[in-house]
Amino acid sequence: MSSATGRSRTVSGTDALALLERNDCAFCADGTLVRERYRDNDAVVCDQCGTPAMQLWDPE
């Protein structure tokens, strides 16, 4: 992400999920993104169509 000063900052995966949560779904007209598990990964998923907008994989 870029700030007004032109510097970039690092966002953790968990913070990125939080930033996406409650946004409108880009894949359907009526959905809102919610935090939940998707295929055993932390994710933000559309509450209407079930499409994941982002998921975090845990390294094994």
PDB file of N, CA and C in Angstrom:
ATOM      1  N   MET A   1       0.835  -1.169   0.000  1.00  0.00           N
ATOM      2  CA  MET A   1       0.000   0.000   0.000  1.00  0.00           C
ATOM      3  C   MET A   1       0.879   1.230   0.000  1.00  0.00           C
ATOM      4  N   SER A   2       0.459   2.275  -0.631  1.00  0.00           N
ATOM      5  CA  SER A   2       1.218   3.511  -0.668  1.00  0.00           C
ATOM      6  C   SER A   2       0.582   4.542   0.235  1.00  0.00           C
ATOM      7  N   SER A   3       1.411   5.336   0.846  1.00  0.00           N
ATOM      8  CA  SER A   3       0.905   6.421   1.672  1.00  0.00           C
ATOM      9  C   SER A   3       1.039   7.727   0.910  1.00  0.00           C
ATOM     10  N   ALA A   4       0.561   8.810   1.492  1.00  0.00           N
ATOM     11  CA  ALA A   4       0.615  10.118   0.845  1.00  0.00           C
ATOM     12  C   ALA A   4       2.054  10.583   0.653  1.00  0.00           C
ATOM     13  N   THR A   5       2.982  10.070   1.443  1.00  0.00           N
ATOM     14  CA  THR A   5       4.380  10.465   1.334  1.00  0.00           C
ATOM     15  C   THR A   5       5.119   9.680   0.263  1.00  0.00           C
ATOM     16  N   GLY A   6       4.465   8.731  -0.354  1.00  0.00           N
ATOM     17  CA  GLY A   6       5.103   7.924  -1.377  1.00  0.00           C
ATOM     18  C   GLY A   6       5.820   6.709  -0.833  1.00  0.00           C
ATOM     19  N   ARG A   7       5.830   6.548   0.467  1.00  0.00           N
ATOM     20  CA  ARG A   7       6.457   5.375   1.074  1.00  0.00           C
ATOM     21  C   ARG A   7       5.476   4.215   1.058  1.00  0.00           C
ATOM     22  N   SER A   8       6.013   3.031   0.900  1.00  0.00           N
ATOM     23  CA  SER A   8       5.145   1.854   0.977  1.00  0.00           C
ATOM     24  C   SER A   8       5.233   1.291   2.383  1.00  0.00           C
ATOM     25  N   ARG A   9       4.201   0.576   2.774  1.00  0.00           N
ATOM     26  CA  ARG A   9       4.223  -0.073   4.078  1.00  0.00           C
ATOM     27  C   ARG A   9       3.786  -1.513   3.903  1.00  0.00           C
ATOM     28  N   THR A  10       4.267  -2.333   4.774  1.00  0.00           N
ATOM     29  CA  THR A  10       3.922  -3.744   4.734  1.00  0.00           C
ATOM     30  C   THR A  10       2.677  -3.980   5.579  1.00  0.00           C
ATOM     31  N   VAL A  11       1.766  -4.751   5.038  1.00  0.00           N
ATOM     32  CA  VAL A  11       0.542  -5.110   5.748  1.00  0.00           C
ATOM     33  C   VAL A  11       0.568  -6.614   5.964  1.00  0.00           C
ATOM     34  N   SER A  12       0.315  -7.044   7.186  1.00  0.00           N
ATOM     35  CA  SER A  12       0.286  -8.484   7.452  1.00  0.00           C
ATOM     36  C   SER A  12      -0.920  -9.108   6.769  1.00  0.00           C
ATOM     37  N   GLY A  13      -0.877 -10.401   6.596  1.00  0.00           N
ATOM     38  CA  GLY A  13      -2.003 -11.102   5.991  1.00  0.00           C
ATOM     39  C   GLY A  13      -3.283 -10.916   6.776  1.00  0.00           C
ATOM     40  N   THR A  14      -3.169 -10.960   8.103  1.00  0.00           N
ATOM     41  CA  THR A  14      -4.347 -10.775   8.952  1.00  0.00           C
ATOM     42  C   THR A  14      -4.908  -9.372   8.799  1.00  0.00           C
ATOM     43  N   ASP A  15      -4.031  -8.367   8.718  1.00  0.00           N
ATOM     44  CA  ASP A  15      -4.491  -6.991   8.505  1.00  0.00           C
ATOM     45  C   ASP A  15      -5.150  -6.842   7.141  1.00  0.00           C
ATOM     46  N   ALA A  16      -4.617  -7.510   6.133  1.00  0.00           N
ATOM     47  CA  ALA A  16      -5.206  -7.443   4.794  1.00  0.00           C
ATOM     48  C   ALA A  16      -6.605  -8.043   4.788  1.00  0.00           C
ATOM     49  N   LEU A  17      -6.794  -9.143   5.499  1.00  0.00           N
ATOM     50  CA  LEU A  17      -8.130  -9.731   5.613  1.00  0.00           C
ATOM     51  C   LEU A  17      -9.085  -8.744   6.278  1.00  0.00           C
ATOM     52  N   ALA A  18      -8.622  -8.090   7.329  1.00  0.00           N
ATOM     53  CA  ALA A  18      -9.462  -7.126   8.046  1.00  0.00           C
ATOM     54  C   ALA A  18      -9.831  -5.943   7.153  1.00  0.00           C
ATOM     55  N   LEU A  19      -8.906  -5.506   6.299  1.00  0.00           N
ATOM     56  CA  LEU A  19      -9.191  -4.395   5.386  1.00  0.00           C
ATOM     57  C   LEU A  19     -10.252  -4.758   4.356  1.00  0.00           C
ATOM     58  N   LEU A  20     -10.283  -6.008   3.939  1.00  0.00           N
ATOM     59  CA  LEU A  20     -11.260  -6.450   2.942  1.00  0.00           C
ATOM     60  C   LEU A  20     -12.630  -6.759   3.537  1.00  0.00           C
ATOM     61  N   GLU A  21     -12.647  -7.128   4.807  1.00  0.00           N
ATOM     62  CA  GLU A  21     -13.899  -7.526   5.459  1.00  0.00           C
ATOM     63  C   GLU A  21     -14.936  -6.411   5.369  1.00  0.00           C
ATOM     64  N   ARG A  22     -16.167  -6.773   5.093  1.00  0.00           N
ATOM     65  CA  ARG A  22     -17.329  -5.884   4.962  1.00  0.00           C
ATOM     66  C   ARG A  22     -17.356  -5.095   3.655  1.00  0.00           C
ATOM     67  N   ASN A  23     -16.406  -5.342   2.746  1.00  0.00           N
ATOM     68  CA  ASN A  23     -16.465  -4.723   1.418  1.00  0.00           C
ATOM     69  C   ASN A  23     -17.451  -5.486   0.547  1.00  0.00           C
ATOM     70  N   ASP A  24     -17.904  -4.851  -0.523  1.00  0.00           N
ATOM     71  CA  ASP A  24     -18.781  -5.522  -1.482  1.00  0.00           C
ATOM     72  C   ASP A  24     -17.999  -6.583  -2.245  1.00  0.00           C
ATOM     73  N   CYS A  25     -18.665  -7.648  -2.598  1.00  0.00           N
ATOM     74  CA  CYS A  25     -18.065  -8.708  -3.399  1.00  0.00           C
ATOM     75  C   CYS A  25     -17.866  -8.215  -4.829  1.00  0.00           C
ATOM     76  N   ALA A  26     -16.716  -8.527  -5.404  1.00  0.00           N
ATOM     77  CA  ALA A  26     -16.429  -8.156  -6.794  1.00  0.00           C
ATOM     78  C   ALA A  26     -16.968  -9.187  -7.782  1.00  0.00           C
ATOM     79  N   PHE A  27     -17.477 -10.318  -7.280  1.00  0.00           N
ATOM     80  CA  PHE A  27     -17.899 -11.413  -8.147  1.00  0.00           C
ATOM     81  C   PHE A  27     -19.410 -11.549  -8.279  1.00  0.00           C
ATOM     82  N   CYS A  28     -20.171 -10.883  -7.417  1.00  0.00           N
ATOM     83  CA  CYS A  28     -21.634 -10.926  -7.522  1.00  0.00           C
ATOM     84  C   CYS A  28     -22.213  -9.576  -7.101  1.00  0.00           C
ATOM     85  N   ALA A  29     -23.470  -9.362  -7.392  1.00  0.00           N
ATOM     86  CA  ALA A  29     -24.091  -8.055  -7.160  1.00  0.00           C
ATOM     87  C   ALA A  29     -24.527  -7.824  -5.714  1.00  0.00           C
ATOM     88  N   ASP A  30     -24.802  -8.879  -4.961  1.00  0.00           N
ATOM     89  CA  ASP A  30     -25.431  -8.707  -3.656  1.00  0.00           C
ATOM     90  C   ASP A  30     -24.571  -9.070  -2.458  1.00  0.00           C
ATOM     91  N   GLY A  31     -23.366  -9.560  -2.682  1.00  0.00           N
ATOM     92  CA  GLY A  31     -22.580 -10.107  -1.581  1.00  0.00           C
ATOM     93  C   GLY A  31     -21.725  -9.104  -0.841  1.00  0.00           C
ATOM     94  N   THR A  32     -21.406  -9.481   0.393  1.00  0.00           N
ATOM     95  CA  THR A  32     -20.502  -8.732   1.259  1.00  0.00           C
ATOM     96  C   THR A  32     -19.439  -9.707   1.753  1.00  0.00           C
ATOM     97  N   LEU A  33     -18.205  -9.239   1.858  1.00  0.00           N
ATOM     98  CA  LEU A  33     -17.114 -10.105   2.294  1.00  0.00           C
ATOM     99  C   LEU A  33     -17.126 -10.280   3.808  1.00  0.00           C
ATOM    100  N   VAL A  34     -17.003 -11.528   4.234  1.00  0.00           N
ATOM    101  CA  VAL A  34     -16.987 -11.876   5.655  1.00  0.00           C
ATOM    102  C   VAL A  34     -15.782 -12.772   5.936  1.00  0.00           C
ATOM    103  N   ARG A  35     -15.282 -12.718   7.182  1.00  0.00           N
ATOM    104  CA  ARG A  35     -14.161 -13.572   7.582  1.00  0.00           C
ATOM    105  C   ARG A  35     -14.678 -14.954   7.907  1.00  0.00           C
ATOM    106  N   GLU A  36     -14.053 -15.956   7.352  1.00  0.00           N
ATOM    107  CA  GLU A  36     -14.351 -17.346   7.698  1.00  0.00           C
ATOM    108  C   GLU A  36     -13.252 -18.239   7.160  1.00  0.00           C
ATOM    109  N   ARG A  37     -13.349 -19.521   7.437  1.00  0.00           N
ATOM    110  CA  ARG A  37     -12.395 -20.497   6.925  1.00  0.00           C
ATOM    111  C   ARG A  37     -12.825 -20.893   5.524  1.00  0.00           C
ATOM    112  N   TYR A  38     -11.863 -21.039   4.625  1.00  0.00           N
ATOM    113  CA  TYR A  38     -12.121 -21.510   3.269  1.00  0.00           C
ATOM    114  C   TYR A  38     -11.070 -22.559   2.967  1.00  0.00           C
ATOM    115  N   ARG A  39     -11.491 -23.796   2.795  1.00  0.00           N
ATOM    116  CA  ARG A  39     -10.573 -24.921   2.551  1.00  0.00           C
ATOM    117  C   ARG A  39      -9.450 -24.958   3.589  1.00  0.00           C
ATOM    118  N   ASP A  40      -9.843 -24.820   4.838  1.00  0.00           N
ATOM    119  CA  ASP A  40      -8.931 -24.857   5.991  1.00  0.00           C
ATOM    120  C   ASP A  40      -7.965 -23.681   6.066  1.00  0.00           C
ATOM    121  N   ASN A  41      -8.232 -22.592   5.363  1.00  0.00           N
ATOM    122  CA  ASN A  41      -7.402 -21.391   5.414  1.00  0.00           C
ATOM    123  C   ASN A  41      -8.219 -20.223   5.953  1.00  0.00           C
ATOM    124  N   ASP A  42      -7.556 -19.283   6.658  1.00  0.00           N
ATOM    125  CA  ASP A  42      -8.210 -18.031   7.017  1.00  0.00           C
ATOM    126  C   ASP A  42      -8.496 -17.282   5.729  1.00  0.00           C
ATOM    127  N   ALA A  43      -9.689 -16.682   5.631  1.00  0.00           N
ATOM    128  CA  ALA A  43     -10.078 -16.058   4.370  1.00  0.00           C
ATOM    129  C   ALA A  43     -11.145 -14.993   4.580  1.00  0.00           C
ATOM    130  N   VAL A  44     -11.365 -14.188   3.538  1.00  0.00           N
ATOM    131  CA  VAL A  44     -12.567 -13.366   3.416  1.00  0.00           C
ATOM    132  C   VAL A  44     -13.315 -13.922   2.219  1.00  0.00           C
ATOM    133  N   VAL A  45     -14.587 -14.229   2.448  1.00  0.00           N
ATOM    134  CA  VAL A  45     -15.411 -14.943   1.476  1.00  0.00           C
ATOM    135  C   VAL A  45     -16.728 -14.194   1.320  1.00  0.00           C
ATOM    136  N   CYS A  46     -17.278 -14.205   0.125  1.00  0.00           N
ATOM    137  CA  CYS A  46     -18.576 -13.582  -0.114  1.00  0.00           C
ATOM    138  C   CYS A  46     -19.671 -14.348   0.622  1.00  0.00           C
ATOM    139  N   ASP A  47     -20.515 -13.611   1.342  1.00  0.00           N
ATOM    140  CA  ASP A  47     -21.600 -14.259   2.085  1.00  0.00           C
ATOM    141  C   ASP A  47     -22.742 -14.723   1.186  1.00  0.00           C
ATOM    142  N   GLN A  48     -22.747 -14.334  -0.091  1.00  0.00           N
ATOM    143  CA  GLN A  48     -23.800 -14.743  -1.014  1.00  0.00           C
ATOM    144  C   GLN A  48     -23.340 -15.826  -1.991  1.00  0.00           C
ATOM    145  N   CYS A  49     -22.222 -15.583  -2.678  1.00  0.00           N
ATOM    146  CA  CYS A  49     -21.793 -16.536  -3.710  1.00  0.00           C
ATOM    147  C   CYS A  49     -20.699 -17.498  -3.234  1.00  0.00           C
ATOM    148  N   GLY A  50     -20.093 -17.217  -2.063  1.00  0.00           N
ATOM    149  CA  GLY A  50     -19.092 -18.119  -1.504  1.00  0.00           C
ATOM    150  C   GLY A  50     -17.704 -18.007  -2.108  1.00  0.00           C
ATOM    151  N   THR A  51     -17.503 -17.058  -3.013  1.00  0.00           N
ATOM    152  CA  THR A  51     -16.199 -16.892  -3.649  1.00  0.00           C
ATOM    153  C   THR A  51     -15.218 -16.239  -2.678  1.00  0.00           C
ATOM    154  N   PRO A  52     -14.011 -16.813  -2.524  1.00  0.00           N
ATOM    155  CA  PRO A  52     -13.020 -16.177  -1.656  1.00  0.00           C
ATOM    156  C   PRO A  52     -12.375 -14.988  -2.371  1.00  0.00           C
ATOM    157  N   ALA A  53     -12.286 -13.867  -1.677  1.00  0.00           N
ATOM    158  CA  ALA A  53     -11.578 -12.705  -2.220  1.00  0.00           C
ATOM    159  C   ALA A  53     -10.096 -12.794  -1.882  1.00  0.00           C
ATOM    160  N   MET A  54      -9.787 -13.435  -0.748  1.00  0.00           N
ATOM    161  CA  MET A  54      -8.398 -13.611  -0.320  1.00  0.00           C
ATOM    162  C   MET A  54      -8.372 -14.734   0.698  1.00  0.00           C
ATOM    163  N   GLN A  55      -7.322 -15.535   0.637  1.00  0.00           N
ATOM    164  CA  GLN A  55      -7.117 -16.560   1.663  1.00  0.00           C
ATOM    165  C   GLN A  55      -5.640 -16.648   1.994  1.00  0.00           C
ATOM    166  N   LEU A  56      -5.356 -17.021   3.231  1.00  0.00           N
ATOM    167  CA  LEU A  56      -3.978 -17.156   3.702  1.00  0.00           C
ATOM    168  C   LEU A  56      -3.657 -18.630   3.879  1.00  0.00           C
ATOM    169  N   TRP A  57      -2.581 -19.057   3.263  1.00  0.00           N
ATOM    170  CA  TRP A  57      -2.125 -20.436   3.411  1.00  0.00           C
ATOM    171  C   TRP A  57      -1.121 -20.491   4.540  1.00  0.00           C
ATOM    172  N   ASP A  58      -1.259 -21.496   5.392  1.00  0.00           N
ATOM    173  CA  ASP A  58      -0.297 -21.724   6.459  1.00  0.00           C
ATOM    174  C   ASP A  58       0.815 -22.608   5.920  1.00  0.00           C
ATOM    175  N   PRO A  59       2.079 -22.188   6.070  1.00  0.00           N
ATOM    176  CA  PRO A  59       3.167 -23.067   5.630  1.00  0.00           C
ATOM    177  C   PRO A  59       3.215 -24.306   6.516  1.00  0.00           C
ATOM    178  N   GLU A  60       3.477 -25.423   5.912  1.00  0.00           N
ATOM    179  CA  GLU A  60       3.509 -26.679   6.676  1.00  0.00           C
ATOM    180  C   GLU A  60       4.891 -27.000   7.133  1.00  0.00           C
TER     181      GLU A  60
END
